[in-house]
Amino acid sequence: MLQQSLQDFIIDKIDDLKGKDIVTLDVRGKSSITDYMIICTGTSNRHVSSIANHLLDEAKKQGHLVLGSEGKSDADWVVVDMDAIIVHIMQEESRQLYELEKLWS
């Protein structure tokens, strides 16, 4: 139940800043570090960075656990670790190149 409310929170915050193509993957049994991944696309470095910063700020305000983030300086692909859910915010080119949905499905 808590994971579902966290998923809803994350998706809502991504949607606030018009993140595109939001996908949730259940990786229980496939990953030892998380249960779910949420992947979305930003239209530019600035957009990816803005989505990540908005998610981080709002998560902290609401008291959600954020273990860390990576990639904010380049903002081509930002990863936000929220323990049971890892969020990947990617530009379209990176998303097509790495095909995380295909890798983890």
N, C-alpha and C. Protein backbone atom coordinates (compact mmCIF):
# COMPACT_ATOMS: atom_id res chain seq x y z
N MET A 1 0.82 -1.19 0.00
CA MET A 1 0.00 0.00 0.00
C MET A 1 0.87 1.26 0.00
N LEU A 2 1.91 1.28 0.84
CA LEU A 2 2.80 2.44 0.87
C LEU A 2 3.50 2.64 -0.45
N GLN A 3 3.91 1.52 -1.08
CA GLN A 3 4.58 1.63 -2.37
C GLN A 3 3.65 2.21 -3.42
N GLN A 4 2.37 1.84 -3.39
CA GLN A 4 1.42 2.38 -4.36
C GLN A 4 1.24 3.88 -4.16
N SER A 5 1.16 4.32 -2.92
CA SER A 5 1.00 5.76 -2.68
C SER A 5 2.27 6.51 -3.07
N LEU A 6 3.44 5.90 -2.88
CA LEU A 6 4.69 6.53 -3.31
C LEU A 6 4.75 6.59 -4.83
N GLN A 7 4.33 5.51 -5.50
CA GLN A 7 4.27 5.53 -6.97
C GLN A 7 3.37 6.65 -7.46
N ASP A 8 2.20 6.76 -6.86
CA ASP A 8 1.25 7.81 -7.26
C ASP A 8 1.85 9.19 -7.03
N PHE A 9 2.53 9.37 -5.90
CA PHE A 9 3.18 10.65 -5.59
C PHE A 9 4.21 10.99 -6.66
N ILE A 10 5.08 10.03 -6.98
CA ILE A 10 6.15 10.26 -7.96
C ILE A 10 5.56 10.61 -9.32
N ILE A 11 4.60 9.83 -9.77
CA ILE A 11 3.98 10.07 -11.07
C ILE A 11 3.32 11.44 -11.10
N ASP A 12 2.66 11.81 -10.01
CA ASP A 12 2.02 13.13 -9.93
C ASP A 12 3.05 14.25 -10.05
N LYS A 13 4.19 14.11 -9.39
CA LYS A 13 5.22 15.15 -9.44
C LYS A 13 5.88 15.22 -10.82
N ILE A 14 6.06 14.09 -11.47
CA ILE A 14 6.59 14.09 -12.83
C ILE A 14 5.58 14.77 -13.76
N ASP A 15 4.32 14.44 -13.58
CA ASP A 15 3.26 15.01 -14.40
C ASP A 15 3.12 16.52 -14.18
N ASP A 16 3.41 17.00 -12.97
CA ASP A 16 3.36 18.44 -12.69
C ASP A 16 4.19 19.23 -13.70
N LEU A 17 5.34 18.68 -14.07
CA LEU A 17 6.25 19.37 -15.00
C LEU A 17 6.24 18.75 -16.39
N LYS A 18 5.16 18.07 -16.71
CA LYS A 18 4.92 17.55 -18.06
C LYS A 18 5.97 16.55 -18.53
N GLY A 19 6.43 15.68 -17.61
CA GLY A 19 7.27 14.57 -18.03
C GLY A 19 6.45 13.66 -18.95
N LYS A 20 7.08 13.10 -19.96
CA LYS A 20 6.37 12.33 -20.97
C LYS A 20 6.62 10.84 -20.82
N ASP A 21 5.71 10.06 -21.39
CA ASP A 21 5.87 8.60 -21.51
C ASP A 21 6.27 7.95 -20.19
N ILE A 22 5.47 8.18 -19.15
CA ILE A 22 5.76 7.65 -17.82
C ILE A 22 5.39 6.16 -17.78
N VAL A 23 6.36 5.34 -17.38
CA VAL A 23 6.17 3.89 -17.31
C VAL A 23 6.63 3.41 -15.94
N THR A 24 5.85 2.51 -15.33
CA THR A 24 6.24 1.88 -14.07
C THR A 24 6.55 0.41 -14.34
N LEU A 25 7.72 -0.03 -13.90
CA LEU A 25 8.12 -1.43 -14.06
C LEU A 25 8.21 -2.10 -12.70
N ASP A 26 7.62 -3.27 -12.59
CA ASP A 26 7.73 -4.09 -11.38
C ASP A 26 8.96 -4.97 -11.56
N VAL A 27 10.01 -4.70 -10.79
CA VAL A 27 11.25 -5.46 -10.93
C VAL A 27 11.53 -6.34 -9.71
N ARG A 28 10.48 -6.60 -8.92
CA ARG A 28 10.64 -7.52 -7.79
C ARG A 28 11.05 -8.88 -8.35
N GLY A 29 12.05 -9.47 -7.77
CA GLY A 29 12.55 -10.76 -8.25
C GLY A 29 13.58 -10.62 -9.35
N LYS A 30 13.72 -9.43 -9.92
CA LYS A 30 14.72 -9.18 -10.97
C LYS A 30 15.85 -8.29 -10.48
N SER A 31 15.58 -7.51 -9.46
CA SER A 31 16.56 -6.57 -8.92
C SER A 31 16.66 -6.76 -7.41
N SER A 32 17.87 -6.71 -6.91
CA SER A 32 18.06 -6.82 -5.47
C SER A 32 18.09 -5.46 -4.78
N ILE A 33 18.04 -4.37 -5.56
CA ILE A 33 18.16 -3.04 -4.96
C ILE A 33 16.86 -2.25 -4.92
N THR A 34 15.84 -2.68 -5.64
CA THR A 34 14.58 -1.95 -5.65
C THR A 34 13.44 -2.87 -6.06
N ASP A 35 12.23 -2.43 -5.81
CA ASP A 35 11.05 -3.20 -6.21
C ASP A 35 10.43 -2.68 -7.50
N TYR A 36 10.52 -1.37 -7.70
CA TYR A 36 9.89 -0.75 -8.87
C TYR A 36 10.83 0.27 -9.48
N MET A 37 10.67 0.49 -10.78
CA MET A 37 11.34 1.58 -11.48
C MET A 37 10.27 2.39 -12.18
N ILE A 38 10.42 3.68 -12.11
CA ILE A 38 9.56 4.58 -12.88
C ILE A 38 10.47 5.30 -13.86
N ILE A 39 10.10 5.26 -15.13
CA ILE A 39 10.90 5.86 -16.19
C ILE A 39 10.05 6.92 -16.88
N CYS A 40 10.66 8.07 -17.14
CA CYS A 40 9.95 9.10 -17.89
C CYS A 40 10.94 9.83 -18.78
N THR A 41 10.41 10.63 -19.69
CA THR A 41 11.21 11.36 -20.65
C THR A 41 11.04 12.86 -20.45
N GLY A 42 12.17 13.57 -20.50
CA GLY A 42 12.18 15.03 -20.53
C GLY A 42 12.62 15.48 -21.91
N THR A 43 12.25 16.68 -22.29
CA THR A 43 12.49 17.15 -23.65
C THR A 43 13.86 17.79 -23.85
N SER A 44 14.56 18.12 -22.77
CA SER A 44 15.87 18.77 -22.85
C SER A 44 16.60 18.56 -21.53
N ASN A 45 17.87 18.96 -21.50
CA ASN A 45 18.63 18.87 -20.24
C ASN A 45 17.94 19.66 -19.14
N ARG A 46 17.50 20.86 -19.48
CA ARG A 46 16.84 21.71 -18.49
C ARG A 46 15.55 21.06 -17.99
N HIS A 47 14.79 20.46 -18.90
CA HIS A 47 13.53 19.82 -18.52
C HIS A 47 13.80 18.62 -17.60
N VAL A 48 14.77 17.79 -17.95
CA VAL A 48 15.13 16.63 -17.12
C VAL A 48 15.56 17.10 -15.73
N SER A 49 16.40 18.11 -15.69
CA SER A 49 16.88 18.64 -14.41
C SER A 49 15.73 19.23 -13.59
N SER A 50 14.83 19.94 -14.23
CA SER A 50 13.69 20.54 -13.53
C SER A 50 12.77 19.48 -12.94
N ILE A 51 12.50 18.42 -13.69
CA ILE A 51 11.67 17.33 -13.18
C ILE A 51 12.33 16.71 -11.95
N ALA A 52 13.62 16.42 -12.06
CA ALA A 52 14.35 15.80 -10.95
C ALA A 52 14.34 16.70 -9.72
N ASN A 53 14.63 17.97 -9.90
CA ASN A 53 14.66 18.91 -8.77
C ASN A 53 13.29 19.05 -8.13
N HIS A 54 12.24 19.10 -8.95
CA HIS A 54 10.87 19.20 -8.42
C HIS A 54 10.53 17.96 -7.60
N LEU A 55 10.86 16.78 -8.14
CA LEU A 55 10.59 15.54 -7.42
C LEU A 55 11.36 15.51 -6.09
N LEU A 56 12.63 15.86 -6.12
CA LEU A 56 13.44 15.86 -4.89
C LEU A 56 12.90 16.85 -3.86
N ASP A 57 12.58 18.05 -4.29
CA ASP A 57 12.07 19.08 -3.37
C ASP A 57 10.75 18.65 -2.74
N GLU A 58 9.83 18.17 -3.57
CA GLU A 58 8.51 17.78 -3.07
C GLU A 58 8.59 16.54 -2.18
N ALA A 59 9.46 15.61 -2.53
CA ALA A 59 9.63 14.40 -1.71
C ALA A 59 10.13 14.77 -0.32
N LYS A 60 11.10 15.66 -0.27
CA LYS A 60 11.63 16.08 1.03
C LYS A 60 10.58 16.83 1.84
N LYS A 61 9.79 17.68 1.18
CA LYS A 61 8.72 18.42 1.87
C LYS A 61 7.70 17.47 2.49
N GLN A 62 7.41 16.37 1.78
CA GLN A 62 6.41 15.41 2.24
C GLN A 62 6.99 14.34 3.17
N GLY A 63 8.30 14.38 3.39
CA GLY A 63 8.93 13.44 4.30
C GLY A 63 9.22 12.07 3.70
N HIS A 64 9.24 11.98 2.36
CA HIS A 64 9.58 10.72 1.71
C HIS A 64 11.09 10.51 1.76
N LEU A 65 11.49 9.26 1.91
CA LEU A 65 12.90 8.91 1.96
C LEU A 65 13.52 9.03 0.58
N VAL A 66 14.57 9.83 0.47
CA VAL A 66 15.35 9.94 -0.76
C VAL A 66 16.77 9.54 -0.40
N LEU A 67 17.22 8.43 -0.97
CA LEU A 67 18.56 7.92 -0.65
C LEU A 67 19.65 8.64 -1.43
N GLY A 68 19.29 9.21 -2.58
CA GLY A 68 20.28 9.93 -3.37
C GLY A 68 19.80 10.16 -4.78
N SER A 69 20.61 10.92 -5.50
CA SER A 69 20.34 11.16 -6.92
C SER A 69 21.67 11.25 -7.64
N GLU A 70 21.63 10.98 -8.92
CA GLU A 70 22.84 10.98 -9.73
C GLU A 70 22.51 11.52 -11.11
N GLY A 71 23.44 12.26 -11.70
CA GLY A 71 23.29 12.71 -13.07
C GLY A 71 22.74 14.12 -13.23
N LYS A 72 22.53 14.83 -12.13
CA LYS A 72 21.92 16.16 -12.23
C LYS A 72 22.83 17.17 -12.94
N SER A 73 24.13 17.00 -12.86
CA SER A 73 25.03 17.97 -13.49
C SER A 73 24.95 17.91 -15.01
N ASP A 74 24.82 16.72 -15.57
CA ASP A 74 24.71 16.56 -17.02
C ASP A 74 23.26 16.63 -17.47
N ALA A 75 22.37 16.06 -16.69
CA ALA A 75 20.92 16.07 -16.91
C ALA A 75 20.49 15.44 -18.23
N ASP A 76 21.28 14.48 -18.71
CA ASP A 76 20.84 13.68 -19.85
C ASP A 76 20.01 12.51 -19.33
N TRP A 77 20.42 12.01 -18.16
CA TRP A 77 19.74 10.89 -17.49
C TRP A 77 19.96 11.08 -16.00
N VAL A 78 18.90 11.38 -15.29
CA VAL A 78 18.99 11.57 -13.84
C VAL A 78 18.30 10.40 -13.16
N VAL A 79 18.95 9.85 -12.15
CA VAL A 79 18.40 8.75 -11.37
C VAL A 79 18.14 9.26 -9.96
N VAL A 80 16.92 9.02 -9.47
CA VAL A 80 16.55 9.38 -8.10
C VAL A 80 16.20 8.09 -7.37
N ASP A 81 16.94 7.80 -6.30
CA ASP A 81 16.74 6.58 -5.52
C ASP A 81 15.84 6.88 -4.33
N MET A 82 14.64 6.33 -4.38
CA MET A 82 13.68 6.51 -3.29
C MET A 82 13.43 5.17 -2.61
N ASP A 83 14.49 4.38 -2.48
CA ASP A 83 14.51 3.09 -1.81
C ASP A 83 13.73 2.03 -2.58
N ALA A 84 12.45 1.88 -2.32
CA ALA A 84 11.66 0.84 -2.99
C ALA A 84 11.38 1.18 -4.45
N ILE A 85 11.60 2.44 -4.82
CA ILE A 85 11.35 2.89 -6.19
C ILE A 85 12.55 3.71 -6.66
N ILE A 86 13.07 3.35 -7.81
CA ILE A 86 14.13 4.14 -8.44
C ILE A 86 13.51 4.82 -9.66
N VAL A 87 13.73 6.13 -9.75
CA VAL A 87 13.15 6.93 -10.82
C VAL A 87 14.24 7.28 -11.82
N HIS A 88 13.97 7.01 -13.10
CA HIS A 88 14.88 7.36 -14.19
C HIS A 88 14.21 8.45 -15.02
N ILE A 89 14.84 9.61 -15.07
CA ILE A 89 14.34 10.73 -15.86
C ILE A 89 15.35 10.93 -16.99
N MET A 90 14.92 10.68 -18.22
CA MET A 90 15.87 10.59 -19.33
C MET A 90 15.43 11.46 -20.50
N GLN A 91 16.42 11.92 -21.26
CA GLN A 91 16.11 12.52 -22.55
C GLN A 91 15.77 11.39 -23.52
N GLU A 92 15.04 11.72 -24.55
CA GLU A 92 14.56 10.72 -25.51
C GLU A 92 15.69 9.88 -26.09
N GLU A 93 16.80 10.51 -26.45
CA GLU A 93 17.92 9.78 -27.08
C GLU A 93 18.49 8.72 -26.12
N SER A 94 18.65 9.08 -24.87
CA SER A 94 19.17 8.13 -23.88
C SER A 94 18.18 7.01 -23.63
N ARG A 95 16.91 7.37 -23.59
CA ARG A 95 15.89 6.34 -23.34
C ARG A 95 15.87 5.32 -24.47
N GLN A 96 16.00 5.79 -25.70
CA GLN A 96 16.02 4.87 -26.84
C GLN A 96 17.30 4.04 -26.86
N LEU A 97 18.41 4.65 -26.48
CA LEU A 97 19.69 3.96 -26.50
C LEU A 97 19.76 2.84 -25.46
N TYR A 98 19.34 3.12 -24.23
CA TYR A 98 19.50 2.15 -23.14
C TYR A 98 18.32 1.18 -23.00
N GLU A 99 17.17 1.53 -23.54
CA GLU A 99 16.00 0.63 -23.56
C GLU A 99 15.77 -0.07 -22.22
N LEU A 100 15.64 0.71 -21.15
CA LEU A 100 15.46 0.12 -19.83
C LEU A 100 14.19 -0.73 -19.73
N GLU A 101 13.14 -0.30 -20.41
CA GLU A 101 11.90 -1.08 -20.38
C GLU A 101 12.14 -2.49 -20.93
N LYS A 102 12.89 -2.58 -22.00
CA LYS A 102 13.18 -3.88 -22.61
C LYS A 102 14.11 -4.69 -21.71
N LEU A 103 15.08 -4.03 -21.12
CA LEU A 103 16.05 -4.70 -20.25
C LEU A 103 15.40 -5.29 -19.00
N TRP A 104 14.45 -4.57 -18.40
CA TRP A 104 13.87 -4.99 -17.13
C TRP A 104 12.50 -5.64 -17.25
N SER A 105 11.97 -5.78 -18.46
CA SER A 105 10.64 -6.42 -18.63
C SER A 105 10.75 -7.92 -18.67
